[in-house]
Amino acid sequence: MRIDAHQHFWRYTPQEYGWISEPLATLRRDFLPSDLRPLLTRHRIDACLAVQARQSLEETRWLLELAREHAWIAGVVGWIDLRAADAGDQIARFTADPRLVGLRHIAQDEPDDGFLLRDDFCRGIAHLARHDVAYDILVYARQLPAAIGLARRFPGQAFVLDHLGKPGVRRREREPWGALMRELAELPNVACKLSGLVTEADWERWKPGDLAPYLNTALEAFGVERVMFGSDWPVCTLAASYERWLAQLEGWSCMLTPAERAALFGGTAARIYRLEDCRP
């Protein structure tokens, strides 16, 4: 199976999606399964993971409903407040649905770069570790030290770094991001999504050569068994169509063996998110 391990759905309202600012105005509309399905079919993508875009239990429930309605939505990476006093109970309720395969917090927007290491947040991660569900880490490059600390603190918890930790592609910054990525990759409980790079590059003028050094670093650090394709659709459309980003990644990965490409474009995601346990 070919799996897109990272995309989003939403019904747009200004109140609920305030993060969609004026520079992102083309995203100010609904993006639903009926919009994505033709793209997946055209590019031979068999399934996808729907990832939260706002921090509400309502959205997590809605994404799970979509996954029940559409078997090709293989799983949901949702949100609950891991800092809440009843986080353990919430995790138990939501993980009773096998379609909930991961959780995420938009840590990149937290003013405290050490947010992931806060005691209240770590208590929630401790509860999550008992349920065999992955946690997606969404941070900027400057926040990677906290991600390293979190993954080291919970060696039994599966973590997935979104968007390669958002390196400064537009500014051609490779360090200290590269060193931090290698340090994070030393922890065997962490995988990495090859997604989101085009929106960290110059939206109008990026070229494949601008992205290749970052993809190469991630592959060298994590190995093909811990990297996975994600489109970040529809956010990717700010800088590239679904087709262009997929073509970029397929072209870059042409040096891999067929088995390695199968892992990158589906096998790794299926293993880490335990998609074999997810039934429509």
Protein backbone atom coordinates (compact mmCIF):
# COMPACT_ATOMS: atom_id res chain seq x y z
CA MET A 1 0.00 0.00 0.00
CA ARG A 2 1.04 3.58 -0.69
CA ILE A 3 0.09 5.81 2.24
CA ASP A 4 0.06 9.59 2.60
CA ALA A 5 0.99 9.86 6.26
CA HIS A 6 0.10 13.53 6.71
CA GLN A 7 -2.81 15.58 5.37
CA HIS A 8 -5.64 17.69 6.76
CA PHE A 9 -9.38 18.23 6.39
CA TRP A 10 -11.38 21.18 7.63
CA ARG A 11 -14.61 23.11 7.29
CA TYR A 12 -13.31 26.64 7.29
CA THR A 13 -14.57 29.38 9.61
CA PRO A 14 -12.50 32.45 10.57
CA GLN A 15 -13.20 31.83 14.24
CA GLU A 16 -11.99 28.22 14.29
CA TYR A 17 -9.04 28.62 11.94
CA GLY A 18 -7.51 31.91 12.98
CA TRP A 19 -4.04 30.55 12.13
CA ILE A 20 -4.96 30.83 8.44
CA SER A 21 -3.69 34.39 8.15
CA GLU A 22 -3.79 36.71 5.14
CA PRO A 23 -0.65 35.25 3.48
CA LEU A 24 -2.40 31.86 3.64
CA ALA A 25 -5.70 33.18 2.29
CA THR A 26 -6.00 30.51 -0.41
CA LEU A 27 -6.61 28.02 2.40
CA ARG A 28 -9.72 29.90 3.55
CA ARG A 29 -12.21 27.37 2.26
CA ASP A 30 -13.37 23.85 3.03
CA PHE A 31 -11.02 20.96 2.30
CA LEU A 32 -12.90 17.66 2.51
CA PRO A 33 -12.50 14.01 1.51
CA SER A 34 -14.24 14.70 -1.78
CA ASP A 35 -11.41 17.13 -2.63
CA LEU A 36 -8.58 14.78 -1.72
CA ARG A 37 -9.84 11.44 -3.01
CA PRO A 38 -9.34 12.25 -6.74
CA LEU A 39 -5.74 13.28 -6.03
CA LEU A 40 -5.01 10.05 -4.19
CA THR A 41 -6.58 7.97 -6.95
CA ARG A 42 -4.69 9.82 -9.69
CA HIS A 43 -1.36 9.25 -7.97
CA ARG A 44 -1.96 5.68 -6.81
CA ILE A 45 -2.09 6.53 -3.11
CA ASP A 46 -4.18 3.86 -1.38
CA ALA A 47 -4.76 5.47 2.00
CA CYS A 48 -4.00 8.51 4.14
CA LEU A 49 -3.76 9.70 7.72
CA ALA A 50 -5.90 12.70 8.66
CA VAL A 51 -4.00 14.97 11.06
CA GLN A 52 -5.54 17.56 13.36
CA ALA A 53 -5.36 21.23 12.36
CA ARG A 54 -7.03 22.81 15.38
CA GLN A 55 -6.91 21.91 19.03
CA SER A 56 -10.39 20.75 19.91
CA LEU A 57 -12.05 17.49 20.89
CA GLU A 58 -14.79 18.38 18.42
CA GLU A 59 -12.36 18.22 15.51
CA THR A 60 -10.91 14.91 16.72
CA ARG A 61 -14.41 13.41 16.84
CA TRP A 62 -15.19 14.80 13.37
CA LEU A 63 -12.02 13.33 11.86
CA LEU A 64 -12.87 9.96 13.37
CA GLU A 65 -16.34 10.21 11.83
CA LEU A 66 -14.75 10.87 8.44
CA ALA A 67 -12.53 7.82 8.89
CA ARG A 68 -15.60 5.70 9.65
CA GLU A 69 -17.27 6.97 6.48
CA HIS A 70 -14.23 6.57 4.19
CA ALA A 71 -12.20 3.40 4.52
CA TRP A 72 -9.24 4.97 2.68
CA ILE A 73 -8.74 7.33 5.65
CA ALA A 74 -6.71 4.69 7.44
CA GLY A 75 -6.28 6.57 10.69
CA VAL A 76 -6.51 9.86 12.57
CA VAL A 77 -3.83 11.81 14.42
CA GLY A 78 -6.07 13.86 16.68
CA TRP A 79 -5.78 16.15 19.68
CA ILE A 80 -6.71 16.02 23.31
CA ASP A 81 -5.37 18.28 26.05
CA LEU A 82 -2.56 16.19 27.48
CA ARG A 83 -2.19 18.76 30.25
CA ALA A 84 -5.72 18.19 31.54
CA ALA A 85 -6.28 16.53 34.91
CA ASP A 86 -8.40 13.87 33.19
CA ALA A 87 -6.00 13.32 30.27
CA GLY A 88 -5.70 9.63 31.10
CA ASP A 89 -9.47 9.13 30.90
CA GLN A 90 -9.68 11.09 27.64
CA ILE A 91 -6.90 9.02 26.10
CA ALA A 92 -8.63 5.80 27.15
CA ARG A 93 -11.93 6.93 25.60
CA PHE A 94 -10.50 8.03 22.29
CA THR A 95 -8.05 5.16 21.83
CA ALA A 96 -10.95 2.71 22.22
CA ASP A 97 -11.57 3.62 18.58
CA PRO A 98 -8.81 1.87 16.56
CA ARG A 99 -8.95 4.67 13.99
CA LEU A 100 -7.26 6.99 16.50
CA VAL A 101 -3.64 6.12 15.74
CA GLY A 102 -1.87 9.19 17.08
CA LEU A 103 -2.11 12.48 18.94
CA ARG A 104 -0.55 15.87 18.30
CA HIS A 105 -0.25 19.28 19.93
CA ILE A 106 0.71 22.38 17.92
CA ALA A 107 3.81 22.89 20.03
CA GLN A 108 5.41 25.12 17.38
CA ASP A 109 3.02 27.91 18.42
CA GLU A 110 3.72 27.67 22.15
CA PRO A 111 5.69 30.70 23.42
CA ASP A 112 7.79 28.43 25.63
CA ASP A 113 10.29 26.55 23.44
CA GLY A 114 10.55 24.01 26.25
CA PHE A 115 6.80 23.32 26.27
CA LEU A 116 7.25 19.62 25.47
CA LEU A 117 9.20 19.16 28.71
CA ARG A 118 6.65 20.78 31.02
CA ASP A 119 5.60 18.53 33.88
CA ASP A 120 1.89 18.75 33.08
CA PHE A 121 2.45 17.86 29.43
CA CYS A 122 4.77 14.99 30.29
CA ARG A 123 2.15 13.54 32.64
CA GLY A 124 -0.13 13.29 29.62
CA ILE A 125 2.57 11.61 27.53
CA ALA A 126 3.07 9.09 30.35
CA HIS A 127 -0.63 8.17 30.06
CA LEU A 128 -0.35 7.92 26.28
CA ALA A 129 2.62 5.57 26.51
CA ARG A 130 0.34 2.97 28.11
CA HIS A 131 -1.95 2.85 25.06
CA ASP A 132 0.48 2.07 22.22
CA VAL A 133 -0.47 5.18 20.25
CA ALA A 134 2.06 7.39 18.45
CA TYR A 135 2.68 11.04 19.24
CA ASP A 136 3.43 13.52 16.42
CA ILE A 137 5.95 16.24 17.29
CA LEU A 138 5.25 19.54 15.54
CA VAL A 139 8.06 22.01 16.25
CA TYR A 140 10.36 24.49 14.59
CA ALA A 141 14.06 23.72 14.38
CA ARG A 142 14.82 25.88 17.42
CA GLN A 143 12.51 23.65 19.50
CA LEU A 144 14.22 20.38 18.58
CA PRO A 145 16.21 20.25 21.86
CA ALA A 146 12.90 19.91 23.73
CA ALA A 147 11.79 17.18 21.30
CA ILE A 148 15.02 15.30 21.97
CA GLY A 149 14.48 15.62 25.71
CA LEU A 150 10.90 14.36 25.44
CA ALA A 151 11.77 11.33 23.32
CA ARG A 152 14.67 10.46 25.60
CA ARG A 153 12.44 10.72 28.68
CA PHE A 154 9.89 8.27 27.23
CA PRO A 155 11.83 5.54 25.42
CA GLY A 156 8.77 3.28 25.23
CA GLN A 157 6.64 5.89 23.43
CA ALA A 158 6.62 6.07 19.61
CA PHE A 159 7.25 9.61 18.35
CA VAL A 160 7.02 10.96 14.81
CA LEU A 161 8.68 14.26 13.91
CA ASP A 162 6.47 16.24 11.52
CA HIS A 163 7.94 18.17 8.57
CA LEU A 164 11.58 17.34 9.42
CA GLY A 165 11.41 19.79 12.31
CA LYS A 166 10.78 22.73 9.95
CA PRO A 167 14.34 23.70 9.00
CA GLY A 168 15.09 27.15 7.61
CA VAL A 169 15.03 26.11 3.95
CA ARG A 170 14.25 29.62 2.72
CA ARG A 171 17.37 30.93 4.48
CA ARG A 172 19.45 27.85 3.52
CA GLU A 173 20.09 27.12 7.20
CA ARG A 174 21.36 23.60 7.79
CA GLU A 175 22.94 23.95 11.21
CA PRO A 176 22.37 23.51 14.05
CA TRP A 177 19.27 21.80 12.60
CA GLY A 178 21.31 18.97 11.06
CA ALA A 179 23.18 18.18 14.28
CA LEU A 180 19.94 18.20 16.24
CA MET A 181 18.29 15.87 13.72
CA ARG A 182 21.14 13.42 14.04
CA GLU A 183 20.90 13.57 17.83
CA LEU A 184 17.14 12.96 17.69
CA ALA A 185 17.60 10.07 15.26
CA GLU A 186 19.90 8.32 17.75
CA LEU A 187 16.72 7.56 19.71
CA PRO A 188 15.15 4.44 18.16
CA ASN A 189 11.62 5.42 19.24
CA VAL A 190 11.54 8.40 16.84
CA ALA A 191 10.58 8.45 13.14
CA CYS A 192 10.37 11.37 10.72
CA LYS A 193 7.86 12.55 8.15
CA LEU A 194 9.24 13.79 4.84
CA SER A 195 6.59 16.47 4.56
CA GLY A 196 6.12 20.20 4.86
CA LEU A 197 9.43 21.24 3.29
CA VAL A 198 7.98 23.23 0.40
CA THR A 199 6.26 25.66 2.75
CA GLU A 200 9.56 26.25 4.55
CA ALA A 201 11.17 27.11 1.19
CA ASP A 202 10.57 30.11 -1.07
CA TRP A 203 7.00 29.44 -2.19
CA GLU A 204 7.42 30.96 -5.63
CA ARG A 205 11.00 30.03 -6.55
CA TRP A 206 11.95 26.80 -4.80
CA LYS A 207 13.77 24.13 -6.81
CA PRO A 208 14.41 20.43 -6.10
CA GLY A 209 18.02 21.24 -5.28
CA ASP A 210 16.88 23.53 -2.45
CA LEU A 211 15.16 20.62 -0.68
CA ALA A 212 17.51 17.73 -1.39
CA PRO A 213 20.10 18.54 1.34
CA TYR A 214 17.39 18.44 4.01
CA LEU A 215 15.89 15.21 2.69
CA ASN A 216 19.37 13.69 2.49
CA THR A 217 20.12 14.62 6.10
CA ALA A 218 16.86 13.08 7.33
CA LEU A 219 17.44 9.88 5.38
CA GLU A 220 21.05 9.56 6.53
CA ALA A 221 20.07 10.18 10.15
CA PHE A 222 16.95 8.06 10.47
CA GLY A 223 17.43 5.44 7.77
CA VAL A 224 14.71 4.46 5.33
CA GLU A 225 12.95 2.31 7.95
CA ARG A 226 12.11 5.45 9.97
CA VAL A 227 11.11 7.99 7.32
CA MET A 228 7.72 8.30 5.62
CA PHE A 229 6.01 10.28 2.89
CA GLY A 230 3.47 12.93 3.83
CA SER A 231 1.91 15.53 1.55
CA ASP A 232 0.77 18.09 4.14
CA TRP A 233 -2.15 18.72 1.77
CA PRO A 234 -3.77 21.25 1.52
CA VAL A 235 -1.12 23.39 3.25
CA CYS A 236 1.44 22.25 0.67
CA THR A 237 -0.60 23.98 -2.07
CA LEU A 238 0.75 27.32 -0.86
CA ALA A 239 4.00 26.33 -2.57
CA ALA A 240 3.34 23.20 -4.64
CA SER A 241 0.51 21.07 -5.97
CA TYR A 242 0.03 17.58 -4.58
CA GLU A 243 1.47 16.26 -7.83
CA ARG A 244 4.57 18.46 -7.71
CA TRP A 245 5.49 17.56 -4.13
CA LEU A 246 4.95 13.84 -4.77
CA ALA A 247 7.03 14.06 -7.97
CA GLN A 248 9.78 15.84 -6.01
CA LEU A 249 9.93 13.06 -3.44
CA GLU A 250 9.68 10.26 -6.00
CA GLY A 251 12.45 11.78 -8.07
CA TRP A 252 14.69 12.33 -5.05
CA SER A 253 14.16 8.74 -3.84
CA CYS A 254 14.92 7.09 -7.18
CA MET A 255 18.28 5.88 -5.82
CA LEU A 256 16.53 3.67 -3.24
CA THR A 257 15.76 0.01 -3.81
CA PRO A 258 12.13 -1.01 -4.52
CA ALA A 259 11.84 -2.34 -0.96
CA GLU A 260 13.15 0.91 0.49
CA ARG A 261 10.76 2.97 -1.62
CA ALA A 262 7.90 0.75 -0.48
CA ALA A 263 8.84 1.53 3.12
CA LEU A 264 9.10 5.28 2.49
CA PHE A 265 5.79 5.47 0.63
CA GLY A 266 3.73 3.32 2.97
CA GLY A 267 5.40 0.55 4.92
CA THR A 268 6.94 2.75 7.61
CA ALA A 269 3.68 4.58 8.27
CA ALA A 270 1.73 1.30 8.44
CA ARG A 271 4.17 -0.11 10.97
CA ILE A 272 4.59 2.90 13.23
CA TYR A 273 0.92 3.86 13.31
CA ARG A 274 -0.15 0.21 13.51
CA LEU A 275 -2.60 0.63 10.68
CA GLU A 276 -3.17 -3.11 10.51
CA ASP A 277 -5.23 -2.65 13.68
CA CYS A 278 -7.44 -0.04 12.06
CA ARG A 279 -10.65 -1.39 10.56
CA PRO A 280 -13.18 0.59 8.50
